Amino acid sequence: GFLPLQGHVVRNWKVRWFVLLQDKLLYYKIEGGKKEPSPKGRILLDGCTITCPCLEYENRPLLIKLKTKTNTDYFLECCSREERDSWALDITGAIHAGHPVQVQELHRMKNSFKLLENISLHNIVERMYDSSTGIKLTRNLDQGNRYKETFTGSALVDWLISNSFAVSRFEAVTLASMLMDENFIRPVGVRSTEAMRSSDPSEKFLDDSTALYMFAESSKKNTSSKEEVHFNISELSGTIVKQGFLVKQGHKRKNWKVRKFVLRADPAFLHYYDPTKEDNKPVGGFSLRGCLVSALEDNGVPAGVKGNVQGNLFKIITKNDIHYYIQASSKAERVQWIEAIKPLT
């Protein structure tokens, strides 16, 4: 699948197509909408260590860090927590494939639950407030409202694990629930507030990228204003239905670029982002109301499509008759996107 990778010489980000093998991770360039036949590079997994979650970059919270036995660092970025955890699990399995004892130990740690002895919630909160190593506070949208200085449930879980307060996500969720019970943090927005009312203690705190929380004393909510938003706030306030990397043809130069697509409902919009940029702002998007979406057959390139494309094409025509040509990484993924988009048109 597609993952942004940080370069070693020039520390910029490029999207590459990754293939995980038993002992190595290959990555390929995409040119003209098609994967090049020879890999651009490879990451040897023998003796490799993996860090996930990796929180070394404030603006990129969904990183996986791989350190080879020659001490070369690779940073890979995923588009969702679920995708990141899936890649991390598969890569970890490949790293330890030849060491069954380590595999057993990994499973034991994953399935065990034991909080650190004499753990201090005050110490955790004090560390969370640290300006350099604490949890990063951002503005977030929920149901059209803009909240200042919030963090998501999954971001807090990542932070607790990366700072060794918890070993597993289950432990981190338990710790976060304790922080909430002791009124150190509190839920804001619909998702997290509704979960707080759950009768099941294990479901009160959500390990979720759409559930918002803040420090208990930071309770002032700011509604939408004319801040630095290139898109109407209401466009970006819908529930995320699906997200992932797809290849899109440009409207002017007709070149193909990998973009991170985010599909939202209520209101129904499809936005796309440049995953090589540091900010998390859409570079384009459109309303899905009145759109037509359909698969394009691979036998022959349709009119309007330039380049020797890989295949798995589909097309979206907006109600203003603007044509978007998009490639998925597989036929199955193309079907998933079309089925997710159709009900929202």
Foldseek 3Di string as FASTA:
>chain_A
DWWWKADDPHRFTDIWDWDDDLFKIFTFDAFQAHTDPDTPDMGGLAQKDKDPPDCPDPLQRLWIWIQHPVRDIMIIGFDFNVVSVVVVVVSVCSSCVVPVVVVVVVVVQAPDDDFDPPDDLVVLLVQLPDPPLHQDFAWDAAPQWIFGGKAALLSQLRSCCVVPRGPYSQNSLVSVLVCVVVQQKHWDHDPQVVQCPDPDSSRNGDSGRRTIMHGNVRPDTGGDDPDPAPDDSQQVHFDWDDKGWWWWQDDPPRGIDIWIWTFGVNPTKIFTPRVRDSHDHTPDIDGLVPKDKDWDAPPDDDPPHDGDHPGQWMWIQHPVRDIIIIHDPDVVVSVVVCVSSVVND
